[in-house]
Protein backbone atom coordinates (compact mmCIF):
# COMPACT_ATOMS: atom_id res chain seq x y z
CA MET A 1 130.73 105.44 79.77
CA THR A 2 129.24 108.57 81.48
CA SER A 3 129.26 109.03 85.58
CA LEU A 4 126.86 107.45 87.69
CA LYS A 5 127.53 110.31 90.21
CA ASN A 6 124.49 112.13 91.20
CA LYS A 7 122.21 110.02 88.76
CA VAL A 8 118.86 109.79 90.83
CA ILE A 9 117.85 105.93 90.55
CA ILE A 10 115.00 103.94 92.10
CA ILE A 11 115.34 100.32 92.94
CA ALA A 12 112.38 98.18 93.70
CA GLY A 13 113.20 94.82 95.15
CA ALA A 14 116.45 96.25 96.76
CA SER A 15 116.58 94.36 99.96
CA SER A 16 118.58 91.08 98.77
CA GLY A 17 120.23 89.65 95.65
CA ILE A 18 120.43 91.54 92.69
CA GLY A 19 118.77 94.66 93.93
CA LYS A 20 120.90 94.94 97.04
CA ALA A 21 124.16 94.21 94.91
CA THR A 22 123.09 97.03 92.42
CA ALA A 23 122.11 99.43 95.03
CA ARG A 24 125.40 98.77 96.61
CA ARG A 25 127.52 99.21 93.22
CA LEU A 26 125.38 102.44 92.41
CA ALA A 27 125.87 104.01 95.84
CA ASN A 28 129.91 103.50 95.58
CA GLU A 29 129.75 105.25 92.34
CA GLY A 30 128.01 108.45 93.99
CA ALA A 31 124.45 107.70 92.64
CA LYS A 32 121.52 109.10 94.83
CA LEU A 33 119.01 106.27 95.55
CA VAL A 34 115.37 105.70 96.60
CA ILE A 35 115.03 101.93 97.31
CA GLY A 36 112.15 99.89 98.28
CA ALA A 37 111.28 96.25 99.46
CA ARG A 38 108.76 94.67 101.73
CA ARG A 39 111.14 93.87 104.48
CA ALA A 40 112.05 97.30 106.26
CA GLU A 41 114.56 95.96 108.61
CA ARG A 42 116.73 94.84 105.69
CA LEU A 43 116.39 98.05 104.12
CA LYS A 44 117.37 100.06 107.04
CA GLN A 45 120.36 97.49 107.90
CA PHE A 46 121.33 98.50 104.05
CA VAL A 47 121.29 102.14 104.62
CA ASP A 48 123.11 102.15 107.88
CA SER A 49 125.86 100.08 106.16
CA LEU A 50 126.79 102.91 103.54
CA PRO A 51 126.65 106.02 106.05
CA ASP A 52 128.09 108.18 103.39
CA ALA A 53 125.85 107.33 100.67
CA GLU A 54 122.66 109.46 99.78
CA ILE A 55 119.95 106.66 100.15
CA ASP A 56 116.19 107.00 100.95
CA TYR A 57 114.02 104.01 101.60
CA SER A 58 110.56 102.88 101.84
CA VAL A 59 108.64 99.93 102.36
CA ALA A 60 107.21 98.81 99.04
CA ASP A 61 105.39 95.97 97.96
CA VAL A 62 105.52 95.97 94.05
CA THR A 63 101.81 94.43 93.79
CA LYS A 64 100.46 97.77 95.20
CA PRO A 65 100.61 100.60 92.95
CA GLU A 66 100.48 103.17 95.51
CA ASP A 67 103.82 101.88 97.06
CA LEU A 68 105.67 102.30 93.83
CA GLU A 69 103.90 105.77 93.44
CA ASN A 70 105.35 106.64 96.98
CA LEU A 71 108.89 105.91 95.83
CA ALA A 72 108.51 107.92 92.74
CA LYS A 73 107.31 110.89 94.87
CA LEU A 74 109.96 110.20 97.28
CA ALA A 75 112.41 110.65 94.72
CA VAL A 76 110.98 113.75 93.16
CA ASP A 77 110.46 115.39 96.44
CA ARG A 78 114.11 114.80 97.36
CA TYR A 79 116.02 115.33 94.32
CA GLY A 80 113.49 116.93 91.64
CA HIS A 81 113.55 114.31 88.95
CA ILE A 82 114.26 110.58 88.09
CA ASP A 83 116.95 109.31 86.16
CA VAL A 84 116.35 105.60 86.33
CA MET A 85 113.91 103.06 87.50
CA PHE A 86 114.87 99.45 88.25
CA ASN A 87 112.17 97.00 88.50
CA ASN A 88 113.73 94.01 90.25
CA ALA A 89 111.38 92.19 92.31
CA GLY A 90 110.36 88.80 91.36
CA ILE A 91 109.54 85.14 92.41
CA MET A 92 110.08 81.68 90.92
CA PRO A 93 108.06 78.79 92.02
CA THR A 94 108.53 75.76 89.74
CA ALA A 95 106.14 72.97 88.94
CA ASN A 96 104.64 71.18 86.06
CA LEU A 97 101.26 72.54 84.99
CA CYS A 98 99.59 69.08 86.14
CA GLU A 99 99.98 70.22 89.43
CA ILE A 100 97.55 72.88 89.11
CA ARG A 101 99.09 75.41 91.75
CA ARG A 102 96.77 78.07 91.01
CA ASP A 103 97.87 80.17 93.93
CA GLU A 104 101.36 80.17 92.73
CA TRP A 105 100.34 81.18 89.07
CA GLN A 106 98.53 84.07 90.45
CA GLN A 107 101.26 85.20 92.60
CA MET A 108 103.77 84.96 89.88
CA LEU A 109 101.18 87.21 87.51
CA ASN A 110 101.13 89.70 90.36
CA ILE A 111 104.66 90.03 91.26
CA ASN A 112 106.70 89.27 87.89
CA ILE A 113 104.37 91.11 85.52
CA MET A 114 101.90 93.45 87.33
CA GLY A 115 104.98 94.49 89.59
CA VAL A 116 106.79 95.59 86.75
CA LEU A 117 103.84 97.38 85.16
CA ASN A 118 103.14 99.27 88.40
CA GLY A 119 106.71 100.20 88.46
CA ILE A 120 106.60 101.68 84.86
CA ALA A 121 103.21 103.35 85.62
CA ALA A 122 105.09 104.98 88.87
CA VAL A 123 107.50 106.93 86.77
CA LEU A 124 106.69 106.97 83.29
CA PRO A 125 104.41 110.30 83.33
CA ILE A 126 107.43 112.10 85.26
CA MET A 127 109.89 110.86 82.65
CA LYS A 128 107.78 111.89 79.68
CA GLN A 129 107.45 115.36 81.42
CA GLN A 130 111.12 115.36 81.90
CA GLN A 131 111.82 114.20 78.13
CA SER A 132 114.17 111.61 79.54
CA GLY A 133 114.63 108.52 81.84
CA HIS A 134 115.70 104.94 81.66
CA ILE A 135 113.39 102.00 82.89
CA ILE A 136 115.06 98.51 83.66
CA ALA A 137 113.42 95.27 84.28
CA THR A 138 115.00 92.18 85.63
CA ASP A 139 113.96 89.40 83.16
CA SER A 140 115.78 85.98 82.64
CA VAL A 141 117.16 83.47 80.39
CA ALA A 142 113.65 81.86 81.23
CA GLY A 143 112.23 84.98 79.19
CA HIS A 144 113.96 83.38 76.17
CA ILE A 145 113.82 79.82 76.62
CA VAL A 146 111.19 77.53 77.80
CA TYR A 147 111.94 74.41 79.78
CA PRO A 148 109.77 71.84 81.96
CA GLY A 149 108.48 72.44 85.41
CA SER A 150 108.66 76.28 84.68
CA ALA A 151 106.05 77.01 82.04
CA VAL A 152 104.29 79.84 84.08
CA TYR A 153 107.47 81.52 85.25
CA CYS A 154 108.68 81.40 81.67
CA GLY A 155 105.58 83.02 80.55
CA THR A 156 105.77 85.79 83.02
CA LYS A 157 109.42 86.48 81.81
CA PHE A 158 108.39 86.36 78.09
CA ALA A 159 105.68 88.89 79.10
CA ILE A 160 108.24 91.12 80.36
CA ARG A 161 110.24 91.11 77.15
CA ALA A 162 106.97 91.96 75.16
CA ILE A 163 106.21 94.79 77.59
CA MET A 164 109.67 96.34 77.69
CA GLU A 165 109.76 96.17 73.95
CA GLY A 166 106.51 97.72 73.57
CA LEU A 167 107.63 100.50 76.10
CA ARG A 168 110.75 100.98 74.14
CA GLN A 169 108.78 101.50 70.88
CA GLU A 170 106.06 103.83 72.45
CA GLU A 171 108.47 106.11 74.33
CA ARG A 172 111.73 106.39 72.45
CA GLU A 173 110.86 109.78 70.84
CA ASN A 174 110.46 111.01 74.40
CA ASN A 175 114.01 109.98 75.03
CA ILE A 176 113.10 107.31 77.58
CA ARG A 177 115.58 104.23 77.14
CA THR A 178 114.64 100.80 78.17
CA THR A 179 116.99 97.59 79.47
CA ILE A 180 115.86 94.00 80.38
CA VAL A 181 118.74 92.04 82.16
CA SER A 182 118.22 88.50 81.39
CA PRO A 183 120.52 86.56 83.78
CA GLY A 184 120.93 82.70 84.14
CA ALA A 185 121.46 80.91 87.45
CA VAL A 186 122.60 83.54 89.99
CA ASP A 187 123.29 83.01 93.57
CA THR A 188 120.48 84.86 95.36
CA GLU A 189 117.40 84.12 97.58
CA LEU A 190 115.28 83.51 94.58
CA TYR A 191 115.25 79.53 95.38
CA THR A 192 113.27 80.19 98.68
CA THR A 193 110.36 81.20 96.48
CA ILE A 194 110.18 77.44 95.25
CA ASN A 195 108.06 75.41 97.40
CA ASP A 196 109.16 71.96 96.34
CA PRO A 197 112.03 71.24 98.79
CA THR A 198 113.84 68.87 96.40
CA ALA A 199 113.79 71.55 93.65
CA SER A 200 114.61 74.66 95.68
CA GLU A 201 117.53 72.51 97.24
CA TRP A 202 118.75 71.80 93.49
CA VAL A 203 118.38 75.33 92.46
CA LYS A 204 120.22 76.33 95.63
CA ASN A 205 123.16 74.15 94.98
CA ASN A 206 123.46 74.73 91.28
CA GLN A 207 123.52 78.59 91.57
CA ARG A 208 126.33 78.43 94.31
CA THR A 209 128.49 76.17 92.00
CA PRO A 210 131.40 78.21 90.19
CA GLY A 211 130.85 78.19 86.33
CA LEU A 212 127.01 77.48 86.88
CA GLY A 213 125.98 80.21 89.02
CA LEU A 214 126.75 83.93 88.77
CA THR A 215 126.96 86.32 91.61
CA SER A 216 124.57 89.30 92.09
CA GLU A 217 127.62 91.59 92.04
CA GLN A 218 128.40 90.36 88.44
CA ILE A 219 124.83 91.31 87.52
CA ALA A 220 125.22 94.67 89.34
CA ASP A 221 128.30 95.37 87.22
CA ALA A 222 126.23 95.01 83.95
CA ILE A 223 123.38 97.19 85.14
CA ALA A 224 125.65 99.72 85.99
CA TYR A 225 127.32 99.51 82.43
CA ALA A 226 123.81 99.86 81.05
CA ILE A 227 123.07 102.97 83.16
CA GLY A 228 126.24 104.59 82.21
CA THR A 229 125.89 104.62 78.29
CA PRO A 230 125.30 108.02 77.03
CA GLU A 231 121.56 108.89 76.72
CA THR A 232 121.90 108.47 72.95
CA VAL A 233 122.53 104.85 73.63
CA ALA A 234 120.11 102.14 74.59
CA ILE A 235 121.19 98.81 75.63
CA ASN A 236 117.95 96.95 75.37
CA GLU A 237 118.86 93.62 76.26
CA LEU A 238 121.49 92.07 78.47
CA LEU A 239 121.57 88.03 78.33
CA ILE A 240 124.07 87.03 80.79
CA ARG A 241 124.69 83.27 81.47
CA PRO A 242 127.27 81.42 83.50
CA THR A 243 129.94 79.87 81.16
CA LYS A 244 128.76 76.13 81.84
CA GLN A 245 125.03 76.75 81.75
CA SER A 246 123.22 74.52 79.28
CA ILE A 247 120.14 76.28 78.51
């Protein structure tokens, strides 16, 4: 495993959960971070909690291409290049299709799919010019298996698999690596994006049960591993389930 020290890494969706845990893990390894999320106060609190780390932050809504372009510019202006882009932001409203929740469908498409595409677009020209780089996206077990109540969510996660595989094939000759991280249940705030109170409570309790839910730190360890492999090695997919998860 190569050292993570001094790697320049952008994380979108860094204010909580997997993004925050990954930022902390990478900062502790000496990486230079540029982090973004919608909640400025959370970003500031995180940066203040690691006074010895090299971290810059900017408010970033992944549905706005210019916000992710600003993160990329911040990284290049500060450090001269970008080693890694981690597209982590996502939401998970759940409901059967017959409930016709068009607003939720559109929101998932905007954040879960367009958010990743906006992140790719922000860094890909830079990485092609560098002839190196690593683009990572948070996917899900739901990107591998469809289950009732989550058809649209699963659809967005299947789309990320396709997009990232296409990116791998198109940019492999430019030495650009791709990774999708597909966790099962993880103890994050994702349950708060579920509007049905019963479903939200069930997901929250499930992900906090040992053996049924992973921690964000466990996913961060896997991401750090993927980043730390040599440039000649690409960990394209990481599928990570709690031991007792059924699907």
